[in-house]
Amino acid sequence: MKRKFKIGNENLAFEMTNKTIFDIDERFDNFGTVINGVMYGQNVYNNALKVMVCSCISKRFDEEKNEKPLTIDELREKLTPDQIVEEIVNFACDLYYDYRGVKRSTENEKDKSENKEESKKK
């Protein structure tokens, strides 16, 4: 599932794929360490940035029409304090959940499923 995130003036698309896993593993030595850091709060902000950089699927170009990939330094510079503190960790987790096919349920969905179960019992 593609997700959008605004960075500076750009709305960028992100998606975790098999390629992302290998890219994180190659660039940052160990995918497991990075994703566990995001999930369990170890070096959480830096690990969230690593996931975002490797998951960015938007094609960006400089003035000379060369592809310009998203970098960690660019994220550090352009993200707002609120985005850093409140959004990037959840966003990185959601990218991973989407990749693994995990769906977060809401309270409404829980209520609906409980009502269906009660109806079946009657």
PDB file of N, CA and C in Angstrom:
ATOM      1  N   MET A   1       0.839  -1.166   0.000  1.00  0.00           N
ATOM      2  CA  MET A   1       0.000   0.000   0.000  1.00  0.00           C
ATOM      3  C   MET A   1       0.892   1.241   0.000  1.00  0.00           C
ATOM      4  N   LYS A   2       0.602   2.145  -0.898  1.00  0.00           N
ATOM      5  CA  LYS A   2       1.359   3.387  -0.976  1.00  0.00           C
ATOM      6  C   LYS A   2       0.805   4.367   0.047  1.00  0.00           C
ATOM      7  N   ARG A   3       1.707   5.060   0.690  1.00  0.00           N
ATOM      8  CA  ARG A   3       1.330   6.087   1.656  1.00  0.00           C
ATOM      9  C   ARG A   3       2.013   7.389   1.260  1.00  0.00           C
ATOM     10  N   LYS A   4       1.352   8.497   1.531  1.00  0.00           N
ATOM     11  CA  LYS A   4       1.887   9.826   1.221  1.00  0.00           C
ATOM     12  C   LYS A   4       2.364  10.492   2.507  1.00  0.00           C
ATOM     13  N   PHE A   5       3.409  11.299   2.364  1.00  0.00           N
ATOM     14  CA  PHE A   5       3.935  12.058   3.498  1.00  0.00           C
ATOM     15  C   PHE A   5       4.490  13.363   2.953  1.00  0.00           C
ATOM     16  N   LYS A   6       4.128  14.481   3.567  1.00  0.00           N
ATOM     17  CA  LYS A   6       4.606  15.786   3.105  1.00  0.00           C
ATOM     18  C   LYS A   6       5.945  16.103   3.761  1.00  0.00           C
ATOM     19  N   ILE A   7       6.929  16.370   2.921  1.00  0.00           N
ATOM     20  CA  ILE A   7       8.264  16.730   3.387  1.00  0.00           C
ATOM     21  C   ILE A   7       8.628  18.053   2.725  1.00  0.00           C
ATOM     22  N   GLY A   8       8.704  19.094   3.519  1.00  0.00           N
ATOM     23  CA  GLY A   8       8.920  20.418   2.957  1.00  0.00           C
ATOM     24  C   GLY A   8       7.727  20.787   2.093  1.00  0.00           C
ATOM     25  N   ASN A   9       7.980  21.104   0.829  1.00  0.00           N
ATOM     26  CA  ASN A   9       6.906  21.460  -0.105  1.00  0.00           C
ATOM     27  C   ASN A   9       6.440  20.285  -0.951  1.00  0.00           C
ATOM     28  N   GLU A  10       7.010  19.114  -0.739  1.00  0.00           N
ATOM     29  CA  GLU A  10       6.717  17.959  -1.586  1.00  0.00           C
ATOM     30  C   GLU A  10       5.842  16.931  -0.875  1.00  0.00           C
ATOM     31  N   ASN A  11       4.875  16.395  -1.600  1.00  0.00           N
ATOM     32  CA  ASN A  11       4.117  15.239  -1.132  1.00  0.00           C
ATOM     33  C   ASN A  11       4.748  14.016  -1.776  1.00  0.00           C
ATOM     34  N   LEU A  12       5.422  13.214  -0.975  1.00  0.00           N
ATOM     35  CA  LEU A  12       6.143  12.057  -1.501  1.00  0.00           C
ATOM     36  C   LEU A  12       5.384  10.770  -1.209  1.00  0.00           C
ATOM     37  N   ALA A  13       5.576   9.784  -2.083  1.00  0.00           N
ATOM     38  CA  ALA A  13       4.944   8.475  -1.918  1.00  0.00           C
ATOM     39  C   ALA A  13       5.959   7.497  -1.332  1.00  0.00           C
ATOM     40  N   PHE A  14       5.473   6.647  -0.450  1.00  0.00           N
ATOM     41  CA  PHE A  14       6.317   5.655   0.218  1.00  0.00           C
ATOM     42  C   PHE A  14       5.619   4.310   0.177  1.00  0.00           C
ATOM     43  N   GLU A  15       6.423   3.259   0.024  1.00  0.00           N
ATOM     44  CA  GLU A  15       5.900   1.898   0.077  1.00  0.00           C
ATOM     45  C   GLU A  15       7.057   0.956   0.405  1.00  0.00           C
ATOM     46  N   MET A  16       6.830   0.086   1.363  1.00  0.00           N
ATOM     47  CA  MET A  16       7.849  -0.908   1.683  1.00  0.00           C
ATOM     48  C   MET A  16       7.599  -2.134   0.814  1.00  0.00           C
ATOM     49  N   THR A  17       8.657  -2.577   0.140  1.00  0.00           N
ATOM     50  CA  THR A  17       8.590  -3.755  -0.723  1.00  0.00           C
ATOM     51  C   THR A  17       9.761  -4.674  -0.368  1.00  0.00           C
ATOM     52  N   ASN A  18       9.851  -5.799  -1.054  1.00  0.00           N
ATOM     53  CA  ASN A  18      11.008  -6.678  -0.847  1.00  0.00           C
ATOM     54  C   ASN A  18      12.312  -5.928  -1.117  1.00  0.00           C
ATOM     55  N   LYS A  19      12.304  -5.092  -2.149  1.00  0.00           N
ATOM     56  CA  LYS A  19      13.489  -4.303  -2.493  1.00  0.00           C
ATOM     57  C   LYS A  19      13.899  -3.409  -1.324  1.00  0.00           C
ATOM     58  N   THR A  20      12.926  -2.854  -0.633  1.00  0.00           N
ATOM     59  CA  THR A  20      13.207  -1.990   0.513  1.00  0.00           C
ATOM     60  C   THR A  20      13.980  -2.738   1.587  1.00  0.00           C
ATOM     61  N   ILE A  21      13.570  -3.977   1.850  1.00  0.00           N
ATOM     62  CA  ILE A  21      14.221  -4.787   2.882  1.00  0.00           C
ATOM     63  C   ILE A  21      15.704  -4.962   2.548  1.00  0.00           C
ATOM     64  N   PHE A  22      15.977  -5.341   1.307  1.00  0.00           N
ATOM     65  CA  PHE A  22      17.368  -5.550   0.893  1.00  0.00           C
ATOM     66  C   PHE A  22      18.153  -4.240   0.860  1.00  0.00           C
ATOM     67  N   ASP A  23      17.483  -3.160   0.480  1.00  0.00           N
ATOM     68  CA  ASP A  23      18.129  -1.851   0.449  1.00  0.00           C
ATOM     69  C   ASP A  23      18.535  -1.419   1.862  1.00  0.00           C
ATOM     70  N   ILE A  24      17.637  -1.565   2.827  1.00  0.00           N
ATOM     71  CA  ILE A  24      17.964  -1.229   4.220  1.00  0.00           C
ATOM     72  C   ILE A  24      19.108  -2.107   4.710  1.00  0.00           C
ATOM     73  N   ASP A  25      19.024  -3.394   4.401  1.00  0.00           N
ATOM     74  CA  ASP A  25      20.053  -4.341   4.835  1.00  0.00           C
ATOM     75  C   ASP A  25      21.425  -3.962   4.271  1.00  0.00           C
ATOM     76  N   GLU A  26      21.453  -3.559   3.008  1.00  0.00           N
ATOM     77  CA  GLU A  26      22.719  -3.206   2.359  1.00  0.00           C
ATOM     78  C   GLU A  26      23.263  -1.864   2.849  1.00  0.00           C
ATOM     79  N   ARG A  27      22.406  -0.879   2.934  1.00  0.00           N
ATOM     80  CA  ARG A  27      22.858   0.471   3.285  1.00  0.00           C
ATOM     81  C   ARG A  27      23.159   0.653   4.768  1.00  0.00           C
ATOM     82  N   PHE A  28      22.426  -0.069   5.608  1.00  0.00           N
ATOM     83  CA  PHE A  28      22.543   0.159   7.053  1.00  0.00           C
ATOM     84  C   PHE A  28      22.925  -1.101   7.818  1.00  0.00           C
ATOM     85  N   ASP A  29      23.469  -2.080   7.126  1.00  0.00           N
ATOM     86  CA  ASP A  29      24.058  -3.301   7.683  1.00  0.00           C
ATOM     87  C   ASP A  29      23.087  -4.374   8.153  1.00  0.00           C
ATOM     88  N   ASN A  30      21.912  -4.034   8.669  1.00  0.00           N
ATOM     89  CA  ASN A  30      21.042  -5.090   9.164  1.00  0.00           C
ATOM     90  C   ASN A  30      19.605  -4.599   9.237  1.00  0.00           C
ATOM     91  N   PHE A  31      18.754  -5.134   8.366  1.00  0.00           N
ATOM     92  CA  PHE A  31      17.349  -4.735   8.366  1.00  0.00           C
ATOM     93  C   PHE A  31      16.696  -5.017   9.709  1.00  0.00           C
ATOM     94  N   GLY A  32      16.985  -6.184  10.285  1.00  0.00           N
ATOM     95  CA  GLY A  32      16.368  -6.569  11.554  1.00  0.00           C
ATOM     96  C   GLY A  32      16.639  -5.571  12.662  1.00  0.00           C
ATOM     97  N   THR A  33      17.860  -5.079  12.731  1.00  0.00           N
ATOM     98  CA  THR A  33      18.217  -4.097  13.752  1.00  0.00           C
ATOM     99  C   THR A  33      17.454  -2.794  13.543  1.00  0.00           C
ATOM    100  N   VAL A  34      17.337  -2.378  12.286  1.00  0.00           N
ATOM    101  CA  VAL A  34      16.639  -1.127  11.974  1.00  0.00           C
ATOM    102  C   VAL A  34      15.161  -1.245  12.317  1.00  0.00           C
ATOM    103  N   ILE A  35      14.493  -2.287  11.844  1.00  0.00           N
ATOM    104  CA  ILE A  35      13.044  -2.390  12.066  1.00  0.00           C
ATOM    105  C   ILE A  35      12.739  -2.655  13.538  1.00  0.00           C
ATOM    106  N   ASN A  36      13.554  -3.453  14.210  1.00  0.00           N
ATOM    107  CA  ASN A  36      13.343  -3.662  15.644  1.00  0.00           C
ATOM    108  C   ASN A  36      13.562  -2.371  16.424  1.00  0.00           C
ATOM    109  N   GLY A  37      14.505  -1.560  15.982  1.00  0.00           N
ATOM    110  CA  GLY A  37      14.720  -0.266  16.621  1.00  0.00           C
ATOM    111  C   GLY A  37      13.499   0.624  16.520  1.00  0.00           C
ATOM    112  N   VAL A  38      12.855   0.618  15.350  1.00  0.00           N
ATOM    113  CA  VAL A  38      11.637   1.410  15.172  1.00  0.00           C
ATOM    114  C   VAL A  38      10.524   0.861  16.066  1.00  0.00           C
ATOM    115  N   MET A  39      10.364  -0.443  16.066  1.00  0.00           N
ATOM    116  CA  MET A  39       9.256  -1.070  16.798  1.00  0.00           C
ATOM    117  C   MET A  39       9.432  -1.023  18.314  1.00  0.00           C
ATOM    118  N   TYR A  40      10.667  -1.125  18.768  1.00  0.00           N
ATOM    119  CA  TYR A  40      10.897  -1.253  20.205  1.00  0.00           C
ATOM    120  C   TYR A  40      11.662  -0.082  20.815  1.00  0.00           C
ATOM    121  N   GLY A  41      11.737   1.025  20.093  1.00  0.00           N
ATOM    122  CA  GLY A  41      12.255   2.253  20.668  1.00  0.00           C
ATOM    123  C   GLY A  41      13.751   2.339  20.887  1.00  0.00           C
ATOM    124  N   GLN A  42      14.531   1.717  20.028  1.00  0.00           N
ATOM    125  CA  GLN A  42      15.986   1.819  20.122  1.00  0.00           C
ATOM    126  C   GLN A  42      16.489   2.653  18.947  1.00  0.00           C
ATOM    127  N   ASN A  43      17.071   3.798  19.259  1.00  0.00           N
ATOM    128  CA  ASN A  43      17.524   4.709  18.204  1.00  0.00           C
ATOM    129  C   ASN A  43      16.367   4.970  17.233  1.00  0.00           C
ATOM    130  N   VAL A  44      15.201   5.184  17.812  1.00  0.00           N
ATOM    131  CA  VAL A  44      13.932   5.141  17.088  1.00  0.00           C
ATOM    132  C   VAL A  44      13.825   6.174  15.967  1.00  0.00           C
ATOM    133  N   TYR A  45      14.238   7.400  16.198  1.00  0.00           N
ATOM    134  CA  TYR A  45      14.069   8.427  15.175  1.00  0.00           C
ATOM    135  C   TYR A  45      15.009   8.203  13.995  1.00  0.00           C
ATOM    136  N   ASN A  46      16.251   7.883  14.262  1.00  0.00           N
ATOM    137  CA  ASN A  46      17.187   7.598  13.171  1.00  0.00           C
ATOM    138  C   ASN A  46      16.755   6.368  12.383  1.00  0.00           C
ATOM    139  N   ASN A  47      16.271   5.343  13.066  1.00  0.00           N
ATOM    140  CA  ASN A  47      15.808   4.147  12.365  1.00  0.00           C
ATOM    141  C   ASN A  47      14.554   4.430  11.544  1.00  0.00           C
ATOM    142  N   ALA A  48      13.673   5.283  12.046  1.00  0.00           N
ATOM    143  CA  ALA A  48      12.482   5.659  11.274  1.00  0.00           C
ATOM    144  C   ALA A  48      12.895   6.380   9.990  1.00  0.00           C
ATOM    145  N   LEU A  49      13.906   7.249  10.087  1.00  0.00           N
ATOM    146  CA  LEU A  49      14.398   7.945   8.892  1.00  0.00           C
ATOM    147  C   LEU A  49      14.986   6.964   7.887  1.00  0.00           C
ATOM    148  N   LYS A  50      15.691   5.958   8.370  1.00  0.00           N
ATOM    149  CA  LYS A  50      16.265   4.942   7.478  1.00  0.00           C
ATOM    150  C   LYS A  50      15.166   4.207   6.720  1.00  0.00           C
ATOM    151  N   VAL A  51      14.103   3.848   7.422  1.00  0.00           N
ATOM    152  CA  VAL A  51      12.976   3.166   6.772  1.00  0.00           C
ATOM    153  C   VAL A  51      12.350   4.083   5.730  1.00  0.00           C
ATOM    154  N   MET A  52      12.160   5.343   6.074  1.00  0.00           N
ATOM    155  CA  MET A  52      11.531   6.274   5.139  1.00  0.00           C
ATOM    156  C   MET A  52      12.381   6.492   3.894  1.00  0.00           C
ATOM    157  N   VAL A  53      13.684   6.693   4.076  1.00  0.00           N
ATOM    158  CA  VAL A  53      14.575   6.935   2.932  1.00  0.00           C
ATOM    159  C   VAL A  53      14.533   5.758   1.959  1.00  0.00           C
ATOM    160  N   CYS A  54      14.577   4.559   2.482  1.00  0.00           N
ATOM    161  CA  CYS A  54      14.606   3.374   1.618  1.00  0.00           C
ATOM    162  C   CYS A  54      13.229   3.020   1.058  1.00  0.00           C
ATOM    163  N   SER A  55      12.163   3.555   1.654  1.00  0.00           N
ATOM    164  CA  SER A  55      10.801   3.255   1.200  1.00  0.00           C
ATOM    165  C   SER A  55      10.250   4.295   0.237  1.00  0.00           C
ATOM    166  N   CYS A  56      10.966   5.392   0.033  1.00  0.00           N
ATOM    167  CA  CYS A  56      10.468   6.456  -0.843  1.00  0.00           C
ATOM    168  C   CYS A  56      10.444   5.963  -2.291  1.00  0.00           C
ATOM    169  N   ILE A  57       9.271   6.028  -2.917  1.00  0.00           N
ATOM    170  CA  ILE A  57       9.135   5.566  -4.301  1.00  0.00           C
ATOM    171  C   ILE A  57       8.894   6.716  -5.275  1.00  0.00           C
ATOM    172  N   SER A  58       8.837   7.938  -4.771  1.00  0.00           N
ATOM    173  CA  SER A  58       8.658   9.100  -5.642  1.00  0.00           C
ATOM    174  C   SER A  58       9.944   9.362  -6.413  1.00  0.00           C
ATOM    175  N   LYS A  59       9.790   9.626  -7.689  1.00  0.00           N
ATOM    176  CA  LYS A  59      10.940   9.975  -8.532  1.00  0.00           C
ATOM    177  C   LYS A  59      11.102  11.488  -8.487  1.00  0.00           C
ATOM    178  N   ARG A  60      12.286  11.921  -8.102  1.00  0.00           N
ATOM    179  CA  ARG A  60      12.580  13.348  -8.019  1.00  0.00           C
ATOM    180  C   ARG A  60      13.815  13.629  -8.854  1.00  0.00           C
ATOM    181  N   PHE A  61      13.848  14.815  -9.469  1.00  0.00           N
ATOM    182  CA  PHE A  61      14.960  15.151 -10.357  1.00  0.00           C
ATOM    183  C   PHE A  61      15.496  16.538 -10.030  1.00  0.00           C
ATOM    184  N   ASP A  62      16.814  16.710 -10.206  1.00  0.00           N
ATOM    185  CA  ASP A  62      17.419  18.025 -10.005  1.00  0.00           C
ATOM    186  C   ASP A  62      17.287  18.841 -11.292  1.00  0.00           C
ATOM    187  N   GLU A  63      17.906  20.025 -11.309  1.00  0.00           N
ATOM    188  CA  GLU A  63      17.799  20.925 -12.464  1.00  0.00           C
ATOM    189  C   GLU A  63      18.356  20.309 -13.739  1.00  0.00           C
ATOM    190  N   GLU A  64      19.328  19.414 -13.607  1.00  0.00           N
ATOM    191  CA  GLU A  64      19.964  18.797 -14.773  1.00  0.00           C
ATOM    192  C   GLU A  64      19.304  17.477 -15.164  1.00  0.00           C
ATOM    193  N   LYS A  65      18.129  17.221 -14.632  1.00  0.00           N
ATOM    194  CA  LYS A  65      17.329  16.020 -14.932  1.00  0.00           C
ATOM    195  C   LYS A  65      17.963  14.725 -14.420  1.00  0.00           C
ATOM    196  N   ASN A  66      18.841  14.839 -13.429  1.00  0.00           N
ATOM    197  CA  ASN A  66      19.397  13.648 -12.780  1.00  0.00           C
ATOM    198  C   ASN A  66      18.475  13.253 -11.633  1.00  0.00           C
ATOM    199  N   GLU A  67      18.312  11.955 -11.449  1.00  0.00           N
ATOM    200  CA  GLU A  67      17.458  11.506 -10.354  1.00  0.00           C
ATOM    201  C   GLU A  67      18.066  11.931  -9.019  1.00  0.00           C
ATOM    202  N   LYS A  68      17.204  12.417  -8.135  1.00  0.00           N
ATOM    203  CA  LYS A  68      17.643  12.931  -6.834  1.00  0.00           C
ATOM    204  C   LYS A  68      16.939  12.126  -5.739  1.00  0.00           C
ATOM    205  N   PRO A  69      17.595  11.091  -5.221  1.00  0.00           N
ATOM    206  CA  PRO A  69      16.948  10.278  -4.184  1.00  0.00           C
ATOM    207  C   PRO A  69      16.830  11.040  -2.864  1.00  0.00           C
ATOM    208  N   LEU A  70      15.848  10.656  -2.082  1.00  0.00           N
ATOM    209  CA  LEU A  70      15.653  11.229  -0.757  1.00  0.00           C
ATOM    210  C   LEU A  70      16.801  10.795   0.150  1.00  0.00           C
ATOM    211  N   THR A  71      17.300  11.702   0.971  1.00  0.00           N
ATOM    212  CA  THR A  71      18.406  11.372   1.875  1.00  0.00           C
ATOM    213  C   THR A  71      17.997  11.621   3.326  1.00  0.00           C
ATOM    214  N   ILE A  72      18.725  10.994   4.225  1.00  0.00           N
ATOM    215  CA  ILE A  72      18.476  11.204   5.653  1.00  0.00           C
ATOM    216  C   ILE A  72      18.736  12.660   6.021  1.00  0.00           C
ATOM    217  N   ASP A  73      19.798  13.238   5.491  1.00  0.00           N
ATOM    218  CA  ASP A  73      20.100  14.645   5.791  1.00  0.00           C
ATOM    219  C   ASP A  73      18.974  15.566   5.329  1.00  0.00           C
ATOM    220  N   GLU A  74      18.405  15.282   4.171  1.00  0.00           N
ATOM    221  CA  GLU A  74      17.297  16.091   3.674  1.00  0.00           C
ATOM    222  C   GLU A  74      16.090  15.969   4.597  1.00  0.00           C
ATOM    223  N   LEU A  75      15.801  14.757   5.056  1.00  0.00           N
ATOM    224  CA  LEU A  75      14.692  14.576   5.998  1.00  0.00           C
ATOM    225  C   LEU A  75      14.948  15.349   7.288  1.00  0.00           C
ATOM    226  N   ARG A  76      16.149  15.237   7.820  1.00  0.00           N
ATOM    227  CA  ARG A  76      16.481  15.945   9.067  1.00  0.00           C
ATOM    228  C   ARG A  76      16.280  17.447   8.920  1.00  0.00           C
ATOM    229  N   GLU A  77      16.596  17.955   7.741  1.00  0.00           N
ATOM    230  CA  GLU A  77      16.506  19.388   7.493  1.00  0.00           C
ATOM    231  C   GLU A  77      15.071  19.853   7.259  1.00  0.00           C
ATOM    232  N   LYS A  78      14.279  19.073   6.538  1.00  0.00           N
ATOM    233  CA  LYS A  78      12.967  19.539   6.092  1.00  0.00           C
ATOM    234  C   LYS A  78      11.789  19.137   6.975  1.00  0.00           C
ATOM    235  N   LEU A  79      11.934  18.114   7.795  1.00  0.00           N
ATOM    236  CA  LEU A  79      10.825  17.719   8.661  1.00  0.00           C
ATOM    237  C   LEU A  79      10.602  18.768   9.743  1.00  0.00           C
ATOM    238  N   THR A  80       9.347  18.970  10.093  1.00  0.00           N
ATOM    239  CA  THR A  80       9.035  19.899  11.177  1.00  0.00           C
ATOM    240  C   THR A  80       9.224  19.184  12.515  1.00  0.00           C
ATOM    241  N   PRO A  81       9.397  19.935  13.593  1.00  0.00           N
ATOM    242  CA  PRO A  81       9.504  19.289  14.905  1.00  0.00           C
ATOM    243  C   PRO A  81       8.300  18.393  15.221  1.00  0.00           C
ATOM    244  N   ASP A  82       7.096  18.843  14.873  1.00  0.00           N
ATOM    245  CA  ASP A  82       5.905  18.015  15.113  1.00  0.00           C
ATOM    246  C   ASP A  82       5.959  16.718  14.321  1.00  0.00           C
ATOM    247  N   GLN A  83       6.410  16.782  13.079  1.00  0.00           N
ATOM    248  CA  GLN A  83       6.519  15.562  12.280  1.00  0.00           C
ATOM    249  C   GLN A  83       7.509  14.591  12.908  1.00  0.00           C
ATOM    250  N   ILE A  84       8.618  15.107  13.398  1.00  0.00           N
ATOM    251  CA  ILE A  84       9.631  14.239  14.000  1.00  0.00           C
ATOM    252  C   ILE A  84       9.090  13.584  15.260  1.00  0.00           C
ATOM    253  N   VAL A  85       8.521  14.377  16.138  1.00  0.00           N
ATOM    254  CA  VAL A  85       8.082  13.861  17.432  1.00  0.00           C
ATOM    255  C   VAL A  85       6.807  13.026  17.325  1.00  0.00           C
ATOM    256  N   GLU A  86       5.877  13.434  16.455  1.00  0.00           N
ATOM    257  CA  GLU A  86       4.555  12.814  16.458  1.00  0.00           C
ATOM    258  C   GLU A  86       4.251  11.885  15.283  1.00  0.00           C
ATOM    259  N   GLU A  87       4.983  11.987  14.169  1.00  0.00           N
ATOM    260  CA  GLU A  87       4.531  11.290  12.974  1.00  0.00           C
ATOM    261  C   GLU A  87       5.476  10.246  12.390  1.00  0.00           C
ATOM    262  N   ILE A  88       6.773  10.506  12.349  1.00  0.00           N
ATOM    263  CA  ILE A  88       7.641   9.635  11.545  1.00  0.00           C
ATOM    264  C   ILE A  88       7.751   8.212  12.076  1.00  0.00           C
ATOM    265  N   VAL A  89       7.716   8.040  13.386  1.00  0.00           N
ATOM    266  CA  VAL A  89       7.830   6.688  13.939  1.00  0.00           C
ATOM    267  C   VAL A  89       6.593   5.871  13.579  1.00  0.00           C
ATOM    268  N   ASN A  90       5.408   6.457  13.774  1.00  0.00           N
ATOM    269  CA  ASN A  90       4.175   5.754  13.403  1.00  0.00           C
ATOM    270  C   ASN A  90       4.116   5.495  11.903  1.00  0.00           C
ATOM    271  N   PHE A  91       4.587   6.459  11.122  1.00  0.00           N
ATOM    272  CA  PHE A  91       4.586   6.296   9.670  1.00  0.00           C
ATOM    273  C   PHE A  91       5.481   5.131   9.257  1.00  0.00           C
ATOM    274  N   ALA A  92       6.677   5.054   9.828  1.00  0.00           N
ATOM    275  CA  ALA A  92       7.598   3.952   9.517  1.00  0.00           C
ATOM    276  C   ALA A  92       6.994   2.613   9.937  1.00  0.00           C
ATOM    277  N   CYS A  93       6.359   2.573  11.095  1.00  0.00           N
ATOM    278  CA  CYS A  93       5.695   1.336  11.546  1.00  0.00           C
ATOM    279  C   CYS A  93       4.575   0.947  10.592  1.00  0.00           C
ATOM    280  N   ASP A  94       3.773   1.927  10.175  1.00  0.00           N
ATOM    281  CA  ASP A  94       2.671   1.638   9.260  1.00  0.00           C
ATOM    282  C   ASP A  94       3.174   1.095   7.922  1.00  0.00           C
ATOM    283  N   LEU A  95       4.299   1.622   7.439  1.00  0.00           N
ATOM    284  CA  LEU A  95       4.883   1.086   6.205  1.00  0.00           C
ATOM    285  C   LEU A  95       5.217  -0.390   6.372  1.00  0.00           C
ATOM    286  N   TYR A  96       5.793  -0.735   7.508  1.00  0.00           N
ATOM    287  CA  TYR A  96       6.149  -2.134   7.780  1.00  0.00           C
ATOM    288  C   TYR A  96       4.896  -2.996   7.942  1.00  0.00           C
ATOM    289  N   TYR A  97       3.898  -2.489   8.662  1.00  0.00           N
ATOM    290  CA  TYR A  97       2.645  -3.243   8.826  1.00  0.00           C
ATOM    291  C   TYR A  97       1.987  -3.505   7.470  1.00  0.00           C
ATOM    292  N   ASP A  98       1.986  -2.499   6.611  1.00  0.00           N
ATOM    293  CA  ASP A  98       1.415  -2.682   5.270  1.00  0.00           C
ATOM    294  C   ASP A  98       2.166  -3.772   4.514  1.00  0.00           C
ATOM    295  N   TYR A  99       3.483  -3.738   4.590  1.00  0.00           N
ATOM    296  CA  TYR A  99       4.310  -4.730   3.901  1.00  0.00           C
ATOM    297  C   TYR A  99       3.989  -6.136   4.389  1.00  0.00           C
ATOM    298  N   ARG A 100       3.835  -6.290   5.681  1.00  0.00           N
ATOM    299  CA  ARG A 100       3.578  -7.604   6.276  1.00  0.00           C
ATOM    300  C   ARG A 100       2.111  -8.011   6.204  1.00  0.00           C
ATOM    301  N   GLY A 101       1.250  -7.095   5.777  1.00  0.00           N
ATOM    302  CA  GLY A 101      -0.169  -7.423   5.666  1.00  0.00           C
ATOM    303  C   GLY A 101      -0.917  -7.350   6.979  1.00  0.00           C
ATOM    304  N   VAL A 102      -0.367  -6.632   7.929  1.00  0.00           N
ATOM    305  CA  VAL A 102      -1.020  -6.478   9.228  1.00  0.00           C
ATOM    306  C   VAL A 102      -1.966  -5.298   9.144  1.00  0.00           C
ATOM    307  N   LYS A 103      -3.207  -5.514   9.548  1.00  0.00           N
ATOM    308  CA  LYS A 103      -4.189  -4.442   9.531  1.00  0.00           C
ATOM    309  C   LYS A 103      -4.490  -4.050  10.963  1.00  0.00           C
ATOM    310  N   ARG A 104      -4.354  -2.773  11.243  1.00  0.00           N
ATOM    311  CA  ARG A 104      -4.715  -2.282  12.568  1.00  0.00           C
ATOM    312  C   ARG A 104      -6.225  -2.133  12.623  1.00  0.00           C
ATOM    313  N   SER A 105      -6.833  -2.646  13.665  1.00  0.00           N
ATOM    314  CA  SER A 105      -8.277  -2.499  13.790  1.00  0.00           C
ATOM    315  C   SER A 105      -8.592  -1.284  14.643  1.00  0.00           C
ATOM    316  N   THR A 106      -9.726  -0.697  14.358  1.00  0.00           N
ATOM    317  CA  THR A 106     -10.174   0.445  15.142  1.00  0.00           C
ATOM    318  C   THR A 106     -11.227  -0.028  16.126  1.00  0.00           C
ATOM    319  N   GLU A 107     -11.576   0.825  17.031  1.00  0.00           N
ATOM    320  CA  GLU A 107     -12.603   0.474  18.013  1.00  0.00           C
ATOM    321  C   GLU A 107     -13.922   0.154  17.315  1.00  0.00           C
ATOM    322  N   ASN A 108     -14.263   0.899  16.256  1.00  0.00           N
ATOM    323  CA  ASN A 108     -15.512   0.640  15.533  1.00  0.00           C
ATOM    324  C   ASN A 108     -15.514  -0.746  14.909  1.00  0.00           C
ATOM    325  N   GLU A 109     -14.386  -1.138  14.335  1.00  0.00           N
ATOM    326  CA  GLU A 109     -14.299  -2.468  13.733  1.00  0.00           C
ATOM    327  C   GLU A 109     -14.431  -3.544  14.796  1.00  0.00           C
ATOM    328  N   LYS A 110     -13.856  -3.304  15.968  1.00  0.00           N
ATOM    329  CA  LYS A 110     -13.976  -4.262  17.062  1.00  0.00           C
ATOM    330  C   LYS A 110     -15.428  -4.386  17.498  1.00  0.00           C
ATOM    331  N   ASP A 111     -16.108  -3.233  17.601  1.00  0.00           N
ATOM    332  CA  ASP A 111     -17.518  -3.251  17.997  1.00  0.00           C
ATOM    333  C   ASP A 111     -18.359  -4.008  16.978  1.00  0.00           C
ATOM    334  N   LYS A 112     -18.108  -3.790  15.693  1.00  0.00           N
ATOM    335  CA  LYS A 112     -18.863  -4.481  14.645  1.00  0.00           C
ATOM    336  C   LYS A 112     -18.647  -5.982  14.710  1.00  0.00           C
ATOM    337  N   SER A 113     -17.398  -6.397  14.905  1.00  0.00           N
ATOM    338  CA  SER A 113     -17.125  -7.833  14.956  1.00  0.00           C
ATOM    339  C   SER A 113     -17.745  -8.452  16.200  1.00  0.00           C
ATOM    340  N   GLU A 114     -17.775  -7.732  17.306  1.00  0.00           N
ATOM    341  CA  GLU A 114     -18.416  -8.244  18.517  1.00  0.00           C
ATOM    342  C   GLU A 114     -19.919  -8.370  18.316  1.00  0.00           C
ATOM    343  N   ASN A 115     -20.522  -7.388  17.625  1.00  0.00           N
ATOM    344  CA  ASN A 115     -21.959  -7.450  17.344  1.00  0.00           C
ATOM    345  C   ASN A 115     -22.293  -8.630  16.445  1.00  0.00           C
ATOM    346  N   LYS A 116     -21.450  -8.907  15.461  1.00  0.00           N
ATOM    347  CA  LYS A 116     -21.673 -10.045  14.571  1.00  0.00           C
ATOM    348  C   LYS A 116     -21.604 -11.349  15.342  1.00  0.00           C
ATOM    349  N   GLU A 117     -20.642 -11.445  16.255  1.00  0.00           N
ATOM    350  CA  GLU A 117     -20.503 -12.662  17.058  1.00  0.00           C
ATOM    351  C   GLU A 117     -21.714 -12.858  17.954  1.00  0.00           C
ATOM    352  N   GLU A 118     -22.228 -11.767  18.524  1.00  0.00           N
ATOM    353  CA  GLU A 118     -23.416 -11.863  19.375  1.00  0.00           C
ATOM    354  C   GLU A 118     -24.632 -12.270  18.557  1.00  0.00           C
ATOM    355  N   SER A 119     -24.730 -11.762  17.322  1.00  0.00           N
ATOM    356  CA  SER A 119     -25.854 -12.119  16.450  1.00  0.00           C
ATOM    357  C   SER A 119     -25.824 -13.595  16.098  1.00  0.00           C
ATOM    358  N   LYS A 120     -24.639 -14.131  15.892  1.00  0.00           N
ATOM    359  CA  LYS A 120     -24.506 -15.549  15.555  1.00  0.00           C
ATOM    360  C   LYS A 120     -24.939 -16.425  16.716  1.00  0.00           C
ATOM    361  N   LYS A 121     -24.705 -15.977  17.942  1.00  0.00           N
ATOM    362  CA  LYS A 121     -25.061 -16.756  19.125  1.00  0.00           C
ATOM    363  C   LYS A 121     -26.572 -16.832  19.310  1.00  0.00           C
ATOM    364  N   LYS A 122     -27.298 -15.805  18.851  1.00  0.00           N
ATOM    365  CA  LYS A 122     -28.756 -15.748  19.025  1.00  0.00           C
ATOM    366  C   LYS A 122     -29.432 -16.624  18.068  1.00  0.00           C
TER     367      LYS A 122
END
